[in-house]
Amino acid sequence: MAYERSKPKQGRGAEKEVQTDDILTVPMLARYLRCHPSTIYRLLKGKEIPAFKIGSDWRFQKSVIENWLRKGTIHTAAR
């Protein structure tokens, strides 16, 4: 049995389609940030990282994480 993919809506009212690689799970984010998943859970517990839940699972929007990283970067003066 063959299944057809539904086509995205066209026209004025069409919403931006979210790509699956825009949403990260805890293990995916840990790989992206090159840290241990427990570090991500620690940040979640302290409400230090932007995230949302789907059921009981945490998810992260990549663009929001990238902005969070930029804002959290400390710029030091070169000596």
PDB file of N, CA and C in Angstrom:
ATOM      1  N   MET A   1       0.844  -1.173   0.000  1.00  0.00           N
ATOM      2  CA  MET A   1       0.000   0.000   0.000  1.00  0.00           C
ATOM      3  C   MET A   1       0.890   1.236   0.000  1.00  0.00           C
ATOM      4  N   ALA A   2       0.667   2.154  -0.903  1.00  0.00           N
ATOM      5  CA  ALA A   2       1.467   3.365  -1.016  1.00  0.00           C
ATOM      6  C   ALA A   2       0.742   4.525  -0.335  1.00  0.00           C
ATOM      7  N   TYR A   3       1.507   5.313   0.402  1.00  0.00           N
ATOM      8  CA  TYR A   3       0.955   6.486   1.063  1.00  0.00           C
ATOM      9  C   TYR A   3       1.509   7.728   0.386  1.00  0.00           C
ATOM     10  N   GLU A   4       0.661   8.716   0.224  1.00  0.00           N
ATOM     11  CA  GLU A   4       1.090   9.978  -0.360  1.00  0.00           C
ATOM     12  C   GLU A   4       1.334  10.985   0.744  1.00  0.00           C
ATOM     13  N   ARG A   5       2.380  11.772   0.572  1.00  0.00           N
ATOM     14  CA  ARG A   5       2.627  12.850   1.524  1.00  0.00           C
ATOM     15  C   ARG A   5       1.648  13.974   1.249  1.00  0.00           C
ATOM     16  N   SER A   6       1.158  14.575   2.321  1.00  0.00           N
ATOM     17  CA  SER A   6       0.275  15.719   2.118  1.00  0.00           C
ATOM     18  C   SER A   6       1.119  16.911   1.695  1.00  0.00           C
ATOM     19  N   LYS A   7       0.580  17.692   0.796  1.00  0.00           N
ATOM     20  CA  LYS A   7       1.301  18.846   0.278  1.00  0.00           C
ATOM     21  C   LYS A   7       1.073  20.029   1.203  1.00  0.00           C
ATOM     22  N   PRO A   8       2.108  20.868   1.401  1.00  0.00           N
ATOM     23  CA  PRO A   8       1.912  22.055   2.238  1.00  0.00           C
ATOM     24  C   PRO A   8       0.906  23.004   1.607  1.00  0.00           C
ATOM     25  N   LYS A   9       0.201  23.745   2.457  1.00  0.00           N
ATOM     26  CA  LYS A   9      -0.793  24.698   1.970  1.00  0.00           C
ATOM     27  C   LYS A   9      -0.103  25.812   1.200  1.00  0.00           C
ATOM     28  N   GLN A  10      -0.766  26.264   0.173  1.00  0.00           N
ATOM     29  CA  GLN A  10      -0.275  27.375  -0.630  1.00  0.00           C
ATOM     30  C   GLN A  10      -1.216  28.556  -0.433  1.00  0.00           C
ATOM     31  N   GLY A  11      -0.726  29.755  -0.677  1.00  0.00           N
ATOM     32  CA  GLY A  11      -1.606  30.922  -0.638  1.00  0.00           C
ATOM     33  C   GLY A  11      -1.275  31.851   0.514  1.00  0.00           C
ATOM     34  N   ARG A  12      -2.148  32.847   0.671  1.00  0.00           N
ATOM     35  CA  ARG A  12      -1.910  33.901   1.658  1.00  0.00           C
ATOM     36  C   ARG A  12      -1.895  33.392   3.085  1.00  0.00           C
ATOM     37  N   GLY A  13      -2.763  32.471   3.425  1.00  0.00           N
ATOM     38  CA  GLY A  13      -2.889  32.020   4.803  1.00  0.00           C
ATOM     39  C   GLY A  13      -1.964  30.873   5.178  1.00  0.00           C
ATOM     40  N   ALA A  14      -1.081  30.477   4.271  1.00  0.00           N
ATOM     41  CA  ALA A  14      -0.205  29.337   4.551  1.00  0.00           C
ATOM     42  C   ALA A  14       0.806  29.703   5.629  1.00  0.00           C
ATOM     43  N   GLU A  15       0.941  28.842   6.615  1.00  0.00           N
ATOM     44  CA  GLU A  15       1.907  29.059   7.686  1.00  0.00           C
ATOM     45  C   GLU A  15       3.244  28.457   7.301  1.00  0.00           C
ATOM     46  N   LYS A  16       4.304  28.974   7.911  1.00  0.00           N
ATOM     47  CA  LYS A  16       5.640  28.436   7.660  1.00  0.00           C
ATOM     48  C   LYS A  16       5.687  27.004   8.180  1.00  0.00           C
ATOM     49  N   GLU A  17       6.153  26.112   7.343  1.00  0.00           N
ATOM     50  CA  GLU A  17       6.259  24.715   7.727  1.00  0.00           C
ATOM     51  C   GLU A  17       7.549  24.515   8.522  1.00  0.00           C
ATOM     52  N   VAL A  18       7.451  23.902   9.686  1.00  0.00           N
ATOM     53  CA  VAL A  18       8.624  23.661  10.529  1.00  0.00           C
ATOM     54  C   VAL A  18       9.325  22.409  10.030  1.00  0.00           C
ATOM     55  N   GLN A  19      10.604  22.529   9.766  1.00  0.00           N
ATOM     56  CA  GLN A  19      11.403  21.390   9.330  1.00  0.00           C
ATOM     57  C   GLN A  19      11.722  20.528  10.549  1.00  0.00           C
ATOM     58  N   THR A  20      11.818  19.212  10.343  1.00  0.00           N
ATOM     59  CA  THR A  20      12.085  18.320  11.470  1.00  0.00           C
ATOM     60  C   THR A  20      13.454  18.566  12.083  1.00  0.00           C
ATOM     61  N   ASP A  21      14.425  19.063  11.297  1.00  0.00           N
ATOM     62  CA  ASP A  21      15.748  19.298  11.866  1.00  0.00           C
ATOM     63  C   ASP A  21      15.797  20.611  12.645  1.00  0.00           C
ATOM     64  N   ASP A  22      14.705  21.378  12.679  1.00  0.00           N
ATOM     65  CA  ASP A  22      14.627  22.588  13.489  1.00  0.00           C
ATOM     66  C   ASP A  22      14.316  22.263  14.945  1.00  0.00           C
ATOM     67  N   ILE A  23      13.814  21.073  15.217  1.00  0.00           N
ATOM     68  CA  ILE A  23      13.441  20.653  16.565  1.00  0.00           C
ATOM     69  C   ILE A  23      14.411  19.567  17.022  1.00  0.00           C
ATOM     70  N   LEU A  24      14.988  19.767  18.209  1.00  0.00           N
ATOM     71  CA  LEU A  24      15.977  18.828  18.738  1.00  0.00           C
ATOM     72  C   LEU A  24      15.473  18.155  20.000  1.00  0.00           C
ATOM     73  N   THR A  25      15.862  16.910  20.193  1.00  0.00           N
ATOM     74  CA  THR A  25      15.602  16.184  21.430  1.00  0.00           C
ATOM     75  C   THR A  25      16.783  16.415  22.368  1.00  0.00           C
ATOM     76  N   VAL A  26      16.699  15.926  23.590  1.00  0.00           N
ATOM     77  CA  VAL A  26      17.813  16.067  24.543  1.00  0.00           C
ATOM     78  C   VAL A  26      19.095  15.434  23.997  1.00  0.00           C
ATOM     79  N   PRO A  27      19.074  14.182  23.515  1.00  0.00           N
ATOM     80  CA  PRO A  27      20.322  13.611  22.985  1.00  0.00           C
ATOM     81  C   PRO A  27      20.865  14.374  21.772  1.00  0.00           C
ATOM     82  N   MET A  28      19.973  14.850  20.903  1.00  0.00           N
ATOM     83  CA  MET A  28      20.410  15.608  19.735  1.00  0.00           C
ATOM     84  C   MET A  28      21.063  16.921  20.156  1.00  0.00           C
ATOM     85  N   LEU A  29      20.449  17.612  21.129  1.00  0.00           N
ATOM     86  CA  LEU A  29      21.000  18.875  21.609  1.00  0.00           C
ATOM     87  C   LEU A  29      22.341  18.654  22.308  1.00  0.00           C
ATOM     88  N   ALA A  30      22.443  17.575  23.064  1.00  0.00           N
ATOM     89  CA  ALA A  30      23.709  17.269  23.740  1.00  0.00           C
ATOM     90  C   ALA A  30      24.825  17.061  22.709  1.00  0.00           C
ATOM     91  N   ARG A  31      24.532  16.358  21.638  1.00  0.00           N
ATOM     92  CA  ARG A  31      25.535  16.190  20.575  1.00  0.00           C
ATOM     93  C   ARG A  31      25.872  17.530  19.933  1.00  0.00           C
ATOM     94  N   TYR A  32      24.852  18.342  19.666  1.00  0.00           N
ATOM     95  CA  TYR A  32      25.045  19.647  19.038  1.00  0.00           C
ATOM     96  C   TYR A  32      25.926  20.555  19.910  1.00  0.00           C
ATOM     97  N   LEU A  33      25.680  20.541  21.221  1.00  0.00           N
ATOM     98  CA  LEU A  33      26.441  21.384  22.154  1.00  0.00           C
ATOM     99  C   LEU A  33      27.717  20.710  22.655  1.00  0.00           C
ATOM    100  N   ARG A  34      27.900  19.439  22.283  1.00  0.00           N
ATOM    101  CA  ARG A  34      29.062  18.647  22.699  1.00  0.00           C
ATOM    102  C   ARG A  34      29.179  18.594  24.222  1.00  0.00           C
ATOM    103  N   CYS A  35      28.071  18.185  24.827  1.00  0.00           N
ATOM    104  CA  CYS A  35      28.038  18.000  26.276  1.00  0.00           C
ATOM    105  C   CYS A  35      27.254  16.726  26.581  1.00  0.00           C
ATOM    106  N   HIS A  36      27.212  16.363  27.833  1.00  0.00           N
ATOM    107  CA  HIS A  36      26.498  15.156  28.257  1.00  0.00           C
ATOM    108  C   HIS A  36      25.005  15.476  28.406  1.00  0.00           C
ATOM    109  N   PRO A  37      24.127  14.536  28.084  1.00  0.00           N
ATOM    110  CA  PRO A  37      22.689  14.785  28.260  1.00  0.00           C
ATOM    111  C   PRO A  37      22.321  15.210  29.680  1.00  0.00           C
ATOM    112  N   SER A  38      23.051  14.732  30.682  1.00  0.00           N
ATOM    113  CA  SER A  38      22.744  15.141  32.060  1.00  0.00           C
ATOM    114  C   SER A  38      22.964  16.638  32.263  1.00  0.00           C
ATOM    115  N   THR A  39      23.872  17.237  31.493  1.00  0.00           N
ATOM    116  CA  THR A  39      24.071  18.682  31.553  1.00  0.00           C
ATOM    117  C   THR A  39      22.826  19.402  31.055  1.00  0.00           C
ATOM    118  N   ILE A  40      22.226  18.881  29.995  1.00  0.00           N
ATOM    119  CA  ILE A  40      20.988  19.466  29.461  1.00  0.00           C
ATOM    120  C   ILE A  40      19.880  19.367  30.500  1.00  0.00           C
ATOM    121  N   TYR A  41      19.742  18.190  31.142  1.00  0.00           N
ATOM    122  CA  TYR A  41      18.708  18.021  32.162  1.00  0.00           C
ATOM    123  C   TYR A  41      18.947  18.949  33.359  1.00  0.00           C
ATOM    124  N   ARG A  42      20.204  19.179  33.715  1.00  0.00           N
ATOM    125  CA  ARG A  42      20.522  20.093  34.817  1.00  0.00           C
ATOM    126  C   ARG A  42      20.092  21.520  34.448  1.00  0.00           C
ATOM    127  N   LEU A  43      20.367  21.932  33.211  1.00  0.00           N
ATOM    128  CA  LEU A  43      19.951  23.256  32.747  1.00  0.00           C
ATOM    129  C   LEU A  43      18.424  23.374  32.712  1.00  0.00           C
ATOM    130  N   LEU A  44      17.756  22.298  32.310  1.00  0.00           N
ATOM    131  CA  LEU A  44      16.290  22.292  32.305  1.00  0.00           C
ATOM    132  C   LEU A  44      15.741  22.441  33.719  1.00  0.00           C
ATOM    133  N   LYS A  45      16.318  21.712  34.646  1.00  0.00           N
ATOM    134  CA  LYS A  45      15.861  21.751  36.039  1.00  0.00           C
ATOM    135  C   LYS A  45      15.990  23.154  36.618  1.00  0.00           C
ATOM    136  N   GLY A  46      17.082  23.848  36.243  1.00  0.00           N
ATOM    137  CA  GLY A  46      17.298  25.202  36.725  1.00  0.00           C
ATOM    138  C   GLY A  46      16.632  26.267  35.874  1.00  0.00           C
ATOM    139  N   LYS A  47      15.843  25.850  34.885  1.00  0.00           N
ATOM    140  CA  LYS A  47      15.151  26.760  33.959  1.00  0.00           C
ATOM    141  C   LYS A  47      16.137  27.740  33.319  1.00  0.00           C
ATOM    142  N   GLU A  48      17.294  27.212  32.929  1.00  0.00           N
ATOM    143  CA  GLU A  48      18.349  28.029  32.357  1.00  0.00           C
ATOM    144  C   GLU A  48      18.446  27.905  30.833  1.00  0.00           C
ATOM    145  N   ILE A  49      17.637  27.044  30.243  1.00  0.00           N
ATOM    146  CA  ILE A  49      17.710  26.812  28.805  1.00  0.00           C
ATOM    147  C   ILE A  49      16.289  26.833  28.233  1.00  0.00           C
ATOM    148  N   PRO A  50      16.090  27.486  27.087  1.00  0.00           N
ATOM    149  CA  PRO A  50      14.739  27.548  26.506  1.00  0.00           C
ATOM    150  C   PRO A  50      14.328  26.198  25.915  1.00  0.00           C
ATOM    151  N   ALA A  51      13.148  25.738  26.303  1.00  0.00           N
ATOM    152  CA  ALA A  51      12.671  24.420  25.865  1.00  0.00           C
ATOM    153  C   ALA A  51      11.158  24.361  25.976  1.00  0.00           C
ATOM    154  N   PHE A  52      10.593  23.316  25.392  1.00  0.00           N
ATOM    155  CA  PHE A  52       9.167  23.047  25.549  1.00  0.00           C
ATOM    156  C   PHE A  52       8.979  21.537  25.624  1.00  0.00           C
ATOM    157  N   LYS A  53       7.826  21.144  26.129  1.00  0.00           N
ATOM    158  CA  LYS A  53       7.545  19.722  26.291  1.00  0.00           C
ATOM    159  C   LYS A  53       6.489  19.261  25.302  1.00  0.00           C
ATOM    160  N   ILE A  54       6.688  18.054  24.820  1.00  0.00           N
ATOM    161  CA  ILE A  54       5.669  17.331  24.068  1.00  0.00           C
ATOM    162  C   ILE A  54       5.426  16.072  24.892  1.00  0.00           C
ATOM    163  N   GLY A  55       4.286  16.035  25.561  1.00  0.00           N
ATOM    164  CA  GLY A  55       4.039  14.943  26.511  1.00  0.00           C
ATOM    165  C   GLY A  55       5.024  15.075  27.653  1.00  0.00           C
ATOM    166  N   SER A  56       5.822  14.048  27.865  1.00  0.00           N
ATOM    167  CA  SER A  56       6.826  14.095  28.930  1.00  0.00           C
ATOM    168  C   SER A  56       8.236  14.321  28.386  1.00  0.00           C
ATOM    169  N   ASP A  57       8.337  14.534  27.081  1.00  0.00           N
ATOM    170  CA  ASP A  57       9.651  14.686  26.444  1.00  0.00           C
ATOM    171  C   ASP A  57       9.969  16.150  26.163  1.00  0.00           C
ATOM    172  N   TRP A  58      11.200  16.544  26.462  1.00  0.00           N
ATOM    173  CA  TRP A  58      11.660  17.903  26.198  1.00  0.00           C
ATOM    174  C   TRP A  58      12.071  18.043  24.741  1.00  0.00           C
ATOM    175  N   ARG A  59      11.792  19.223  24.174  1.00  0.00           N
ATOM    176  CA  ARG A  59      12.191  19.554  22.814  1.00  0.00           C
ATOM    177  C   ARG A  59      12.783  20.962  22.809  1.00  0.00           C
ATOM    178  N   PHE A  60      13.630  21.221  21.827  1.00  0.00           N
ATOM    179  CA  PHE A  60      14.333  22.482  21.720  1.00  0.00           C
ATOM    180  C   PHE A  60      14.270  22.953  20.273  1.00  0.00           C
ATOM    181  N   GLN A  61      13.980  24.224  20.063  1.00  0.00           N
ATOM    182  CA  GLN A  61      13.990  24.782  18.722  1.00  0.00           C
ATOM    183  C   GLN A  61      15.409  25.284  18.462  1.00  0.00           C
ATOM    184  N   LYS A  62      16.018  24.786  17.391  1.00  0.00           N
ATOM    185  CA  LYS A  62      17.422  25.072  17.114  1.00  0.00           C
ATOM    186  C   LYS A  62      17.695  26.572  17.022  1.00  0.00           C
ATOM    187  N   SER A  63      16.849  27.314  16.342  1.00  0.00           N
ATOM    188  CA  SER A  63      17.077  28.761  16.202  1.00  0.00           C
ATOM    189  C   SER A  63      17.031  29.472  17.556  1.00  0.00           C
ATOM    190  N   VAL A  64      16.158  29.028  18.456  1.00  0.00           N
ATOM    191  CA  VAL A  64      16.059  29.623  19.795  1.00  0.00           C
ATOM    192  C   VAL A  64      17.313  29.294  20.599  1.00  0.00           C
ATOM    193  N   ILE A  65      17.806  28.072  20.475  1.00  0.00           N
ATOM    194  CA  ILE A  65      19.038  27.676  21.166  1.00  0.00           C
ATOM    195  C   ILE A  65      20.213  28.493  20.647  1.00  0.00           C
ATOM    196  N   GLU A  66      20.278  28.707  19.335  1.00  0.00           N
ATOM    197  CA  GLU A  66      21.371  29.499  18.764  1.00  0.00           C
ATOM    198  C   GLU A  66      21.339  30.931  19.292  1.00  0.00           C
ATOM    199  N   ASN A  67      20.139  31.533  19.405  1.00  0.00           N
ATOM    200  CA  ASN A  67      20.014  32.877  19.993  1.00  0.00           C
ATOM    201  C   ASN A  67      20.413  32.874  21.454  1.00  0.00           C
ATOM    202  N   TRP A  68      19.997  31.858  22.191  1.00  0.00           N
ATOM    203  CA  TRP A  68      20.345  31.713  23.606  1.00  0.00           C
ATOM    204  C   TRP A  68      21.862  31.631  23.779  1.00  0.00           C
ATOM    205  N   LEU A  69      22.518  30.897  22.896  1.00  0.00           N
ATOM    206  CA  LEU A  69      23.975  30.790  22.954  1.00  0.00           C
ATOM    207  C   LEU A  69      24.633  32.145  22.669  1.00  0.00           C
ATOM    208  N   ARG A  70      24.124  32.867  21.668  1.00  0.00           N
ATOM    209  CA  ARG A  70      24.689  34.180  21.337  1.00  0.00           C
ATOM    210  C   ARG A  70      24.556  35.150  22.497  1.00  0.00           C
ATOM    211  N   LYS A  71      23.391  35.156  23.134  1.00  0.00           N
ATOM    212  CA  LYS A  71      23.151  36.076  24.254  1.00  0.00           C
ATOM    213  C   LYS A  71      23.986  35.695  25.476  1.00  0.00           C
ATOM    214  N   GLY A  72      24.284  34.413  25.623  1.00  0.00           N
ATOM    215  CA  GLY A  72      25.031  33.957  26.787  1.00  0.00           C
ATOM    216  C   GLY A  72      26.535  34.008  26.598  1.00  0.00           C
ATOM    217  N   THR A  73      26.984  34.363  25.393  1.00  0.00           N
ATOM    218  CA  THR A  73      28.419  34.417  25.128  1.00  0.00           C
ATOM    219  C   THR A  73      29.008  35.668  25.744  1.00  0.00           C
ATOM    220  N   ILE A  74      30.089  35.478  26.464  1.00  0.00           N
ATOM    221  CA  ILE A  74      30.774  36.602  27.098  1.00  0.00           C
ATOM    222  C   ILE A  74      31.921  37.027  26.186  1.00  0.00           C
ATOM    223  N   HIS A  75      31.891  38.284  25.783  1.00  0.00           N
ATOM    224  CA  HIS A  75      32.946  38.820  24.926  1.00  0.00           C
ATOM    225  C   HIS A  75      34.022  39.427  25.807  1.00  0.00           C
ATOM    226  N   THR A  76      35.249  38.979  25.645  1.00  0.00           N
ATOM    227  CA  THR A  76      36.352  39.516  26.426  1.00  0.00           C
ATOM    228  C   THR A  76      37.235  40.364  25.543  1.00  0.00           C
ATOM    229  N   ALA A  77      37.872  41.343  26.125  1.00  0.00           N
ATOM    230  CA  ALA A  77      38.774  42.204  25.385  1.00  0.00           C
ATOM    231  C   ALA A  77      40.093  41.465  25.150  1.00  0.00           C
ATOM    232  N   ALA A  78      40.636  41.615  23.958  1.00  0.00           N
ATOM    233  CA  ALA A  78      41.924  40.980  23.640  1.00  0.00           C
ATOM    234  C   ALA A  78      43.026  41.734  24.362  1.00  0.00           C
ATOM    235  N   ARG A  79      43.983  41.012  24.873  1.00  0.00           N
ATOM    236  CA  ARG A  79      45.103  41.639  25.597  1.00  0.00           C
ATOM    237  C   ARG A  79      46.321  41.678  24.742  1.00  0.00           C
TER     238      ARG A  79
END
